[in-house]
Protein backbone atom coordinates (compact mmCIF):
# COMPACT_ATOMS: atom_id res chain seq x y z
CA UNK A 1 -37.63 -14.66 -30.41
CA UNK A 2 -37.34 -14.92 -26.68
CA UNK A 3 -38.46 -18.02 -24.76
CA UNK A 4 -39.57 -17.20 -21.44
CA UNK A 5 -37.87 -19.95 -18.88
CA UNK A 6 -35.37 -20.66 -21.02
CA UNK A 7 -32.12 -21.51 -19.63
CA UNK A 8 -30.12 -18.33 -20.62
CA UNK A 9 -33.19 -16.09 -19.60
CA UNK A 10 -32.72 -17.53 -16.29
CA UNK A 11 -31.57 -15.34 -13.63
CA UNK A 12 -29.36 -17.64 -11.79
CA UNK A 13 -27.91 -18.66 -14.88
CA UNK A 14 -26.89 -15.00 -15.73
CA UNK A 15 -25.37 -13.89 -12.54
CA UNK A 16 -23.42 -17.20 -12.32
CA UNK A 17 -21.78 -16.68 -15.87
CA UNK A 18 -21.11 -13.65 -15.11
CA UNK A 19 -19.79 -14.05 -11.84
CA UNK A 20 -17.17 -17.02 -13.06
CA UNK A 21 -15.97 -14.93 -15.78
CA UNK A 22 -15.24 -12.22 -13.90
CA UNK A 23 -13.17 -14.65 -11.32
CA UNK A 24 -11.29 -15.96 -14.35
CA UNK A 25 -10.52 -12.52 -16.11
CA UNK A 26 -9.60 -11.51 -13.03
CA UNK A 27 -7.85 -13.88 -11.21
CA UNK A 28 -4.32 -13.04 -11.56
CA UNK A 29 -5.27 -10.00 -9.75
CA UNK A 30 -7.34 -11.71 -7.18
CA UNK A 31 -4.57 -14.06 -6.16
CA UNK A 32 -2.02 -11.27 -6.02
CA UNK A 33 -4.39 -9.65 -3.27
CA UNK A 34 -5.40 -13.41 -1.60
CA UNK A 35 -1.32 -12.83 -0.81
CA UNK A 36 -1.20 -9.27 0.30
CA UNK A 37 -4.24 -10.36 2.75
CA UNK A 38 -1.78 -13.17 4.30
CA UNK A 39 0.96 -10.87 5.25
CA UNK A 40 -0.88 -10.18 8.95
CA UNK A 41 1.95 -7.67 9.68
CA UNK A 42 0.09 -5.30 7.17
CA UNK A 43 -2.84 -3.09 6.83
CA UNK A 44 -4.74 -5.57 4.77
CA UNK A 45 -4.80 -8.88 6.91
CA UNK A 46 -8.36 -8.24 7.65
CA UNK A 47 -8.98 -8.75 3.34
CA UNK A 48 -10.11 -12.30 4.26
CA UNK A 49 -12.39 -11.39 6.92
CA UNK A 50 -14.01 -8.73 4.89
CA UNK A 51 -14.63 -11.45 1.90
CA UNK A 52 -16.44 -13.61 3.91
CA UNK A 53 -18.53 -10.64 5.03
CA UNK A 54 -19.33 -9.18 1.69
CA UNK A 55 -20.04 -12.67 0.04
CA UNK A 56 -22.46 -13.21 3.22
CA UNK A 57 -24.60 -10.50 2.96
CA UNK A 58 -24.92 -10.30 -0.82
CA UNK A 59 -26.48 -13.77 -0.66
CA UNK A 60 -28.92 -12.30 1.89
CA UNK A 61 -29.51 -9.60 -0.30
CA UNK A 62 -30.26 -11.37 -3.16
CA UNK A 63 -32.49 -14.46 -1.49
CA UNK A 64 -34.36 -11.75 -0.17
CA UNK A 65 -34.92 -9.70 -3.28
CA UNK A 66 -34.48 -12.01 -5.91
CA UNK A 67 -33.82 -9.34 -8.66
CA UNK A 68 -34.41 -10.21 -12.38
CA UNK A 69 -32.28 -10.40 -14.93
CA UNK A 70 -32.61 -7.60 -17.94
CA UNK A 71 -30.53 -5.56 -20.55
CA UNK A 72 -30.14 -2.06 -19.36
CA UNK A 73 -27.36 -0.66 -21.80
CA UNK A 74 -26.82 2.47 -20.52
CA UNK A 75 -24.35 0.78 -17.86
CA UNK A 76 -22.45 -0.64 -20.78
CA UNK A 77 -20.40 2.35 -20.46
CA UNK A 78 -19.04 2.13 -17.33
CA UNK A 79 -18.40 -1.48 -18.23
CA UNK A 80 -16.44 -0.78 -21.13
CA UNK A 81 -14.28 1.94 -19.06
CA UNK A 82 -13.32 -0.56 -16.33
CA UNK A 83 -12.66 -3.55 -18.63
CA UNK A 84 -10.21 -0.86 -20.47
CA UNK A 85 -8.78 0.51 -16.86
CA UNK A 86 -8.11 -3.17 -16.18
CA UNK A 87 -6.53 -3.94 -19.68
CA UNK A 88 -4.16 -1.08 -19.51
CA UNK A 89 -2.79 -2.15 -16.53
CA UNK A 90 -2.89 -5.66 -17.23
CA UNK A 91 -0.69 -4.48 -20.34
CA UNK A 92 1.77 -1.81 -18.51
CA UNK A 93 1.99 -3.85 -15.76
CA UNK A 94 0.41 -1.07 -13.62
CA UNK A 95 -1.18 -3.16 -10.49
CA UNK A 96 -2.85 -0.05 -9.02
CA UNK A 97 -5.02 0.00 -12.42
CA UNK A 98 -6.00 -3.29 -12.06
CA UNK A 99 -7.41 -3.22 -8.19
CA UNK A 100 -8.96 0.00 -9.11
CA UNK A 101 -10.97 -1.38 -11.57
CA UNK A 102 -11.76 -4.41 -9.81
CA UNK A 103 -15.12 -3.44 -7.76
CA UNK A 104 -15.94 -1.41 -10.65
CA UNK A 105 -16.19 -4.00 -13.05
CA UNK A 106 -17.88 -6.17 -10.83
CA UNK A 107 -20.60 -3.31 -9.75
CA UNK A 108 -21.51 -2.30 -13.52
CA UNK A 109 -21.96 -5.70 -14.76
CA UNK A 110 -24.70 -5.92 -12.55
CA UNK A 111 -25.99 -2.81 -13.66
CA UNK A 112 -26.40 -4.01 -16.71
CA UNK A 113 -27.92 -7.35 -15.99
CA UNK A 114 -30.24 -5.91 -13.05
CA UNK A 115 -30.74 -1.95 -13.54
CA UNK A 116 -30.10 0.52 -10.69
CA UNK A 117 -32.82 -0.33 -8.70
CA UNK A 118 -32.46 -3.81 -8.31
CA UNK A 119 -28.40 -3.67 -7.90
CA UNK A 120 -28.49 -0.62 -5.54
CA UNK A 121 -28.90 -2.83 -2.17
CA UNK A 122 -25.95 -5.02 -3.16
CA UNK A 123 -23.63 -1.39 -3.33
CA UNK A 124 -22.88 -1.37 0.49
CA UNK A 125 -22.02 -5.11 0.78
CA UNK A 126 -19.70 -5.22 -2.46
CA UNK A 127 -18.45 -1.64 -1.31
CA UNK A 128 -16.92 -3.14 1.85
CA UNK A 129 -14.31 -5.19 -0.41
CA UNK A 130 -13.20 -1.51 -1.21
CA UNK A 131 -11.60 -0.88 2.13
CA UNK A 132 -9.25 -4.41 1.47
CA UNK A 133 -7.71 -3.40 -1.71
CA UNK A 134 -4.03 -2.05 -1.78
CA UNK A 135 -4.26 1.04 -3.42
CA UNK A 136 -5.10 2.87 0.15
CA UNK A 137 -1.10 2.51 0.60
CA UNK A 138 -1.33 6.02 -1.10
CA UNK A 139 -3.13 7.21 1.81
CA UNK A 140 -0.34 6.22 4.74
CA UNK A 141 2.02 9.37 3.82
CA UNK A 142 -0.70 12.09 4.32
CA UNK A 143 -1.99 10.31 7.63
CA UNK A 144 1.97 9.56 8.92
CA UNK A 145 2.01 13.43 8.27
CA UNK A 146 -0.88 14.59 10.10
CA UNK A 147 0.03 12.11 13.64
CA UNK A 148 3.14 13.97 13.10
CA UNK A 149 1.58 17.32 13.64
CA UNK A 150 -0.87 15.98 16.17
CA UNK A 151 1.58 14.41 18.33
CA UNK A 152 4.31 17.37 17.99
CA UNK A 153 0.86 19.48 19.42
CA UNK A 154 0.63 17.39 22.51
CA UNK A 155 4.33 17.60 23.05
CA UNK A 156 4.41 20.52 23.30
CA UNK A 157 2.46 20.38 26.28
CA UNK A 158 4.91 19.13 28.27
CA UNK A 159 8.52 20.09 29.42
CA UNK A 160 10.62 18.16 26.90
CA UNK A 161 13.34 19.38 24.74
CA UNK A 162 12.31 17.81 21.06
CA UNK A 163 12.76 18.77 17.63
CA UNK A 164 10.20 17.59 14.19
CA UNK A 165 11.60 17.05 10.85
CA UNK A 166 9.64 15.52 8.11
CA UNK A 167 8.05 12.13 9.59
CA UNK A 168 11.03 12.18 12.53
CA UNK A 169 10.98 13.44 15.87
CA UNK A 170 13.96 13.96 17.83
CA UNK A 171 15.07 14.02 21.31
CA UNK A 172 18.78 15.56 21.91
CA UNK A 173 20.68 12.94 23.73
CA UNK A 174 18.19 10.56 23.79
CA UNK A 175 17.00 9.52 19.84
CA UNK A 176 14.96 9.51 17.35
CA UNK A 177 11.00 8.10 16.39
CA UNK A 178 10.33 7.30 12.79
CA UNK A 179 6.67 7.90 12.04
CA UNK A 180 6.95 5.28 9.66
CA UNK A 181 4.30 3.41 7.55
CA UNK A 182 3.03 1.06 9.81
CA UNK A 183 2.40 4.45 12.43
CA UNK A 184 0.28 6.44 10.23
CA UNK A 185 -2.92 4.35 11.50
CA UNK A 186 -4.03 3.32 8.00
CA UNK A 187 -4.57 -0.44 9.49
CA UNK A 188 -6.79 1.16 12.34
CA UNK A 189 -8.82 3.51 9.70
CA UNK A 190 -9.64 0.77 7.63
CA UNK A 191 -10.45 -1.48 10.05
CA UNK A 192 -12.92 1.29 11.87
CA UNK A 193 -14.28 2.25 8.55
CA UNK A 194 -15.39 -1.24 7.48
CA UNK A 195 -16.69 -1.63 10.93
CA UNK A 196 -19.15 1.16 10.88
CA UNK A 197 -20.30 0.47 7.52
CA UNK A 198 -21.06 -3.29 8.15
CA UNK A 199 -23.25 -1.74 11.82
CA UNK A 200 -24.62 0.70 9.76
CA UNK A 201 -25.45 -1.88 6.92
CA UNK A 202 -27.15 -4.20 9.67
CA UNK A 203 -29.00 -1.65 11.52
CA UNK A 204 -29.94 1.57 9.82
CA UNK A 205 -32.33 2.65 7.45
CA UNK A 206 -31.46 5.95 6.97
CA UNK A 207 -28.21 7.41 5.35
CA UNK A 208 -27.96 10.46 7.37
CA UNK A 209 -27.23 7.95 9.90
CA UNK A 210 -24.30 5.42 8.15
CA UNK A 211 -22.59 8.56 7.22
CA UNK A 212 -22.32 9.82 10.90
CA UNK A 213 -21.50 6.61 11.80
CA UNK A 214 -18.65 6.09 9.18
CA UNK A 215 -17.53 9.64 10.02
CA UNK A 216 -17.24 8.70 13.78
CA UNK A 217 -15.46 5.68 13.35
CA UNK A 218 -12.97 7.14 11.14
CA UNK A 219 -11.97 9.85 13.57
CA UNK A 220 -11.76 7.31 16.73
CA UNK A 221 -9.85 5.03 14.66
CA UNK A 222 -7.69 8.01 14.27
CA UNK A 223 -7.44 8.98 17.87
CA UNK A 224 -6.39 5.22 18.70
CA UNK A 225 -3.35 6.01 16.41
CA UNK A 226 -2.30 9.20 18.11
CA UNK A 227 -2.88 7.95 21.48
CA UNK A 228 -0.95 4.78 20.68
CA UNK A 229 1.94 6.97 18.80
CA UNK A 230 2.24 9.58 21.46
CA UNK A 231 2.26 7.21 24.26
CA UNK A 232 5.02 5.27 23.00
CA UNK A 233 7.41 8.28 22.03
CA UNK A 234 6.58 9.98 25.60
CA UNK A 235 7.46 6.47 27.54
CA UNK A 236 10.25 5.99 25.11
CA UNK A 237 11.62 9.14 25.84
CA UNK A 238 10.96 8.94 29.90
CA UNK A 239 12.79 5.33 29.76
CA UNK A 240 15.46 6.60 27.68
CA UNK A 241 14.43 4.01 25.03
CA UNK A 242 14.60 1.25 26.70
CA UNK A 243 11.00 0.59 27.51
CA UNK A 244 9.75 -2.85 26.12
CA UNK A 245 6.08 -1.01 25.16
CA UNK A 246 8.86 0.36 21.75
CA UNK A 247 8.93 -3.19 20.63
CA UNK A 248 5.47 -4.32 21.70
CA UNK A 249 3.49 -1.54 19.86
CA UNK A 250 1.14 -3.35 17.55
CA UNK A 251 -0.22 -5.20 20.37
CA UNK A 252 -0.56 -2.00 22.46
CA UNK A 253 -2.37 -0.52 20.01
CA UNK A 254 -5.08 -3.02 19.23
CA UNK A 255 -5.92 -2.61 22.84
CA UNK A 256 -6.17 1.01 22.04
CA UNK A 257 -8.11 0.68 19.23
CA UNK A 258 -10.56 -1.89 20.72
CA UNK A 259 -11.23 1.10 23.57
CA UNK A 260 -12.04 3.36 21.07
CA UNK A 261 -15.00 0.93 19.63
CA UNK A 262 -17.09 1.45 23.17
CA UNK A 263 -18.07 4.69 22.26
CA UNK A 264 -18.83 4.20 18.62
CA UNK A 265 -20.82 1.30 19.27
CA UNK A 266 -22.44 3.54 22.35
CA UNK A 267 -22.89 6.14 19.41
CA UNK A 268 -24.67 3.32 17.22
CA UNK A 269 -26.85 2.40 19.68
CA UNK A 270 -28.31 6.39 19.81
CA UNK A 271 -28.32 6.67 16.27
CA UNK A 272 -30.74 3.48 16.33
CA UNK A 273 -32.89 4.75 19.52
CA UNK A 274 -33.11 8.63 17.29
CA UNK A 275 -34.14 6.60 13.93
CA UNK A 276 -36.92 4.80 16.37
CA UNK A 277 -38.19 7.93 18.11
CA UNK A 278 -38.77 9.47 14.53
CA UNK A 279 -41.00 6.86 13.82
CA UNK A 280 -38.57 5.59 10.94
CA UNK A 281 -40.15 2.31 9.16
CA UNK A 282 -38.35 -0.39 7.10
CA UNK A 283 -38.64 1.09 3.67
CA UNK A 284 -35.62 0.39 1.71
CA UNK A 285 -34.87 0.36 -1.72
CA UNK A 286 -35.08 -3.65 -1.02
CA UNK A 287 -38.83 -3.35 -0.31
CA UNK A 288 -39.48 -1.42 -3.31
CA UNK A 289 -37.89 -3.77 -5.36
CA UNK A 290 -40.21 -6.60 -4.01
CA UNK A 291 -42.83 -4.96 -5.68
CA UNK A 292 -41.44 -2.92 -8.94
CA UNK A 293 -40.09 -5.88 -11.18
CA UNK A 294 -38.01 -5.14 -14.28
CA UNK A 295 -39.50 -7.31 -17.52
CA UNK A 296 -38.36 -10.86 -18.44
CA UNK A 297 -34.40 -11.14 -19.24
CA UNK A 298 -33.44 -11.26 -22.43
CA UNK A 299 -30.22 -13.29 -23.97
CA UNK A 300 -28.75 -9.95 -24.95
CA UNK A 301 -28.13 -8.62 -21.49
CA UNK A 302 -26.28 -11.71 -20.90
CA UNK A 303 -23.84 -11.55 -23.95
CA UNK A 304 -23.23 -7.87 -23.20
CA UNK A 305 -21.59 -8.79 -19.67
CA UNK A 306 -19.35 -11.66 -21.40
CA UNK A 307 -17.60 -9.46 -24.24
CA UNK A 308 -15.91 -7.03 -22.34
CA UNK A 309 -14.70 -9.49 -19.71
CA UNK A 310 -13.79 -11.86 -22.71
CA UNK A 311 -11.17 -9.14 -23.70
CA UNK A 312 -10.08 -8.60 -20.31
CA UNK A 313 -9.41 -12.58 -19.98
CA UNK A 314 -7.33 -12.60 -23.01
CA UNK A 315 -5.29 -9.28 -21.89
CA UNK A 316 -4.94 -10.82 -18.81
CA UNK A 317 -4.00 -13.89 -18.82
CA UNK A 318 -2.00 -13.67 -21.86
CA UNK A 319 0.26 -10.84 -19.56
CA UNK A 320 0.68 -13.48 -16.90
CA UNK A 321 1.80 -15.84 -19.13
CA UNK A 322 4.10 -13.52 -20.68
CA UNK A 323 5.26 -12.53 -17.57
CA UNK A 324 8.00 -13.29 -15.13
CA UNK A 325 6.85 -15.05 -11.73
CA UNK A 326 4.92 -13.29 -9.58
CA UNK A 327 7.27 -13.11 -6.27
CA UNK A 328 11.01 -13.99 -7.71
CA UNK A 329 12.36 -17.02 -6.22
CA UNK A 330 15.89 -15.64 -7.01
CA UNK A 331 17.49 -12.40 -7.88
CA UNK A 332 20.19 -11.96 -10.90
CA UNK A 333 23.28 -9.25 -10.20
CA UNK A 334 23.93 -6.06 -11.47
CA UNK A 335 27.09 -6.06 -13.51
CA UNK A 336 27.81 -2.70 -13.24
CA UNK A 337 30.83 -0.72 -11.74
CA UNK A 338 29.04 2.31 -9.61
CA UNK A 339 32.47 3.42 -7.72
CA UNK A 340 35.21 4.78 -8.98
CA UNK A 341 38.04 2.50 -8.49
CA UNK A 342 40.80 4.65 -8.37
CA UNK A 343 39.39 5.46 -5.01
CA UNK A 344 37.75 2.90 -3.37
CA UNK A 345 38.95 -0.52 -2.97
CA UNK A 346 36.27 -3.37 -3.10
CA UNK A 347 35.91 -5.95 -0.50
CA UNK A 348 34.75 -9.48 -0.05
CA UNK A 349 32.02 -8.13 2.14
CA UNK A 350 28.00 -6.74 1.89
CA UNK A 351 27.82 -5.04 4.75
CA UNK A 352 29.40 -2.39 7.22
CA UNK A 353 29.83 -3.46 10.71
CA UNK A 354 26.90 -6.04 10.35
CA UNK A 355 24.71 -3.70 8.64
CA UNK A 356 23.13 -3.59 4.86
CA UNK A 357 19.38 -2.92 4.06
CA UNK A 358 16.69 -5.36 3.70
CA UNK A 359 15.12 -5.74 0.68
CA UNK A 360 12.92 -8.74 -0.36
CA UNK A 361 12.37 -10.19 -3.84
CA UNK A 362 14.24 -7.71 -5.97
CA UNK A 363 14.74 -8.99 -9.67
CA UNK A 364 18.36 -7.64 -9.94
CA UNK A 365 20.40 -6.89 -6.76
CA UNK A 366 24.46 -5.08 -6.12
CA UNK A 367 25.97 -5.11 -2.65
CA UNK A 368 29.34 -4.07 -2.45
CA UNK A 369 31.53 -2.85 0.15
CA UNK A 370 34.41 -0.45 -0.19
CA UNK A 371 37.80 0.48 1.72
CA UNK A 372 39.43 4.48 0.76
CA UNK A 373 42.51 3.26 -0.73
CA UNK A 374 44.32 6.67 0.32
CA UNK A 375 43.47 5.90 4.28
CA UNK A 376 44.95 2.45 4.49
CA UNK A 377 47.11 1.50 7.38
CA UNK A 378 49.96 -0.90 6.19
CA UNK A 379 47.77 -3.77 7.94
CA UNK A 380 45.20 -3.06 5.08
CA UNK A 381 42.49 -1.72 7.08
CA UNK A 382 40.89 1.78 6.93
CA UNK A 383 38.93 4.46 8.65
CA UNK A 384 36.27 5.17 5.61
CA UNK A 385 34.25 2.38 5.03
CA UNK A 386 31.82 2.42 2.36
CA UNK A 387 29.12 0.70 1.41
CA UNK A 388 26.54 0.25 -1.89
CA UNK A 389 23.74 -1.41 -2.94
CA UNK A 390 21.24 -1.33 -5.78
CA UNK A 391 17.87 -3.19 -5.34
CA UNK A 392 15.96 -3.25 -9.10
CA UNK A 393 12.73 -4.80 -10.03
CA UNK A 394 11.58 -5.15 -13.78
CA UNK A 395 7.94 -4.48 -12.87
CA UNK A 396 6.26 -4.25 -9.79
CA UNK A 397 3.73 -6.75 -8.57
CA UNK A 398 2.42 -8.17 -5.14
CA UNK A 399 5.34 -9.45 -3.12
CA UNK A 400 7.44 -8.01 -5.27
CA UNK A 401 7.51 -3.91 -4.92
CA UNK A 402 10.36 -1.09 -4.53
CA UNK A 403 7.85 0.68 -1.49
CA UNK A 404 6.52 -2.39 0.16
CA UNK A 405 6.35 -2.73 4.32
CA UNK A 406 8.83 -5.52 4.47
CA UNK A 407 11.51 -3.53 2.55
CA UNK A 408 13.21 -1.44 5.26
CA UNK A 409 16.82 0.56 5.15
CA UNK A 410 17.73 -0.88 8.37
CA UNK A 411 16.63 -3.25 11.45
CA UNK A 412 14.86 -0.86 14.29
CA UNK A 413 15.91 -3.57 16.98
CA UNK A 414 19.67 -3.42 15.94
CA UNK A 415 19.96 0.49 14.84
CA UNK A 416 18.23 3.61 16.12
CA UNK A 417 17.88 6.76 13.93
CA UNK A 418 19.86 9.72 14.98
CA UNK A 419 18.73 12.28 12.45
CA UNK A 420 17.98 12.68 8.86
CA UNK A 421 19.31 15.42 5.80
CA UNK A 422 19.51 16.15 2.55
CA UNK A 423 22.35 15.17 0.33
CA UNK A 424 23.11 16.95 -2.76
CA UNK A 425 23.60 14.27 -5.72
CA UNK A 426 24.63 16.59 -8.48
CA UNK A 427 22.26 18.21 -11.41
CA UNK A 428 19.75 19.28 -9.17
CA UNK A 429 18.44 16.05 -7.34
CA UNK A 430 18.72 15.91 -4.10
CA UNK A 431 18.71 12.24 -1.76
CA UNK A 432 17.32 11.49 1.54
CA UNK A 433 20.13 11.09 4.29
CA UNK A 434 19.94 9.50 7.41
CA UNK A 435 22.49 8.64 10.37
CA UNK A 436 22.21 5.40 12.40
CA UNK A 437 23.38 4.48 15.38
CA UNK A 438 24.33 0.90 17.04
CA UNK A 439 23.10 1.25 20.64
CA UNK A 440 25.38 -1.29 21.95
CA UNK A 441 28.69 -0.77 20.14
CA UNK A 442 28.30 3.29 19.18
CA UNK A 443 29.07 2.52 15.79
CA UNK A 444 26.99 4.96 13.53
CA UNK A 445 26.21 4.86 9.47
CA UNK A 446 25.49 7.63 7.41
CA UNK A 447 23.08 6.81 4.42
CA UNK A 448 22.15 8.58 1.38
CA UNK A 449 19.42 6.47 -0.44
CA UNK A 450 17.21 7.19 -3.30
CA UNK A 451 14.48 5.69 -5.64
CA UNK A 452 14.84 5.40 -9.14
CA UNK A 453 11.61 4.97 -10.88
CA UNK A 454 10.92 4.69 -14.77
CA UNK A 455 13.90 6.77 -15.03
CA UNK A 456 12.72 9.42 -12.54
CA UNK A 457 14.61 10.31 -9.25
CA UNK A 458 12.27 10.33 -6.02
CA UNK A 459 13.09 10.49 -2.72
CA UNK A 460 10.38 9.34 -0.21
CA UNK A 461 7.92 6.43 -0.50
CA UNK A 462 4.84 8.22 -1.91
CA UNK A 463 6.49 9.62 -4.70
CA UNK A 464 8.15 6.67 -5.39
CA UNK A 465 4.49 4.69 -5.44
CA UNK A 466 3.31 7.53 -7.91
CA UNK A 467 6.56 7.93 -9.75
CA UNK A 468 4.84 4.57 -11.26
CA UNK A 469 1.88 6.02 -13.50
CA UNK A 470 4.25 7.76 -16.14
CA UNK A 471 4.97 4.54 -17.25
CA UNK A 472 1.35 4.76 -19.32
CA UNK A 473 3.47 7.24 -21.76
CA UNK A 474 7.29 6.15 -21.67
CA UNK A 475 6.72 2.20 -21.48
CA UNK A 476 8.97 1.74 -18.74
CA UNK A 477 8.41 -0.29 -16.03
CA UNK A 478 11.33 -0.70 -13.41
CA UNK A 479 11.90 0.51 -10.07
CA UNK A 480 15.07 0.37 -8.28
CA UNK A 481 16.40 1.48 -4.73
CA UNK A 482 20.23 2.88 -4.52
CA UNK A 483 21.81 3.22 -1.04
CA UNK A 484 24.69 4.39 0.05
CA UNK A 485 26.25 3.93 3.30
CA UNK A 486 29.50 5.27 5.06
CA UNK A 487 31.34 4.99 8.01
CA UNK A 488 33.64 7.04 9.13
CA UNK A 489 35.93 7.45 12.11
CA UNK A 490 36.91 10.91 12.73
CA UNK A 491 35.95 12.48 9.77
CA UNK A 492 33.16 14.90 8.72
CA UNK A 493 30.65 12.13 7.33
CA UNK A 494 28.33 14.33 5.20
CA UNK A 495 30.85 16.00 3.76
CA UNK A 496 32.57 12.50 2.25
CA UNK A 497 29.22 11.28 1.68
CA UNK A 498 27.99 14.17 -0.11
CA UNK A 499 31.46 14.27 -2.32
CA UNK A 500 30.78 10.56 -4.00
CA UNK A 501 27.30 10.39 -3.96
CA UNK A 502 27.01 12.39 -7.05
CA UNK A 503 29.24 9.85 -9.22
CA UNK A 504 27.62 6.90 -8.36
CA UNK A 505 23.96 8.12 -8.59
CA UNK A 506 25.04 9.11 -12.12
CA UNK A 507 26.79 5.46 -12.92
CA UNK A 508 23.62 4.00 -11.47
CA UNK A 509 21.12 6.04 -13.47
CA UNK A 510 23.25 5.46 -16.97
CA UNK A 511 23.33 1.60 -15.98
CA UNK A 512 19.68 1.54 -15.23
CA UNK A 513 18.44 3.49 -18.53
CA UNK A 514 20.77 1.24 -20.77
CA UNK A 515 19.28 -1.85 -19.25
CA UNK A 516 15.62 -1.07 -19.53
CA UNK A 517 15.45 1.09 -22.68
CA UNK A 518 17.15 -1.91 -24.09
CA UNK A 519 15.16 -4.06 -22.77
CA UNK A 520 12.07 -2.35 -23.69
């Protein structure tokens, strides 16, 4: 028998119980998000601001509508599906699954308690948080390609000799620009969408107006990035890569983005006046909720959202207790011989001409330099220097991923990109190749690199990200980056690099397969 007004029947208690259990169950993932939001040079530094805004808007909606708890059992299906997706991500250490499941898990729980009509006004305030979740990184590569295409079109209007290959723009005799992850416009895309949704939530009655404003916000954000990249490329070309704007492009980019907000808000104001002229009245779903109330709450409704979250809690915290630290404080060394010792003499160095990749928080590393034994002079110096590095992550998690913004093959302030090429590494597998030049010493270094993710070789960042998904079937969670560098004077660098790469790649794959297959 249900006693009306009992503590379990209280709407506040049901909501508080659900939210507290949600926070406890998903805390490992939420803590990782917090770490990611604190990286102010990445695309998600707006995360805490969006969180505060979302909580403020949700509190306002709750205070106005005072939804009554009940038990809307059909919504148990999406709640269970979200819980299963989150648990699969916890078991297989696929962070993207956990992040994708966060908002559906929260919203479906509210739907079980409140039903569609009462939960609907919370969709936009909660949905804002979707734009602060790091799975948007998968959109960066298509945005990079679009940015390259737009700038190729713009440069074609000028009398400039240039060539485009992939995400690289080459200027013969001057240098090259890489339209990297930070130049994709993802950051402006996310912030512009958040501002558009927020403006629409506070000022519009019709969904048509909201959709139009979001579309305009996305378009203007992308245009801001295209203008930023074009100006930087053009100024870099005209100044022979000496302009300070090249190193200060982030600050310049935000000024351009701020400029595009002016027409966006003018457009928003026009949409407001258009709604007013059409005689629209404030007849949102919230006003309907004040009239149409659900019946008294049921203990079954509160308990039904607890069981899935308890399962999520058990799996999530069990995974945390059995997994290594979220970010490695130190790395162990790969004990593997990747380079033929009959040809290459190992050195007590870990770089070539001061260069080595910038890789953070790898669980296992190997960095070694070599000289070609056949080209040594009487003083023991050689004309061919080889560098081989292997960086491995036992499993990928916040701050410790093979593809992340802080991991770079070179420091752009020290080296510049001259060209890209493909390196045949045997068995039909190609690795990516780069030629780097030191502007001060005019030293050139040729690189071959590739990602080995859960037993698959990939050559670009997006493919390396997606290669993590087959872990659902093969139970592997490892991800590695192999980098081979060659500095050679008066010789065919690409030919020598192509000759040594197949053997190193085969030895690397054999070592990693043995290491992580036995470990699994």
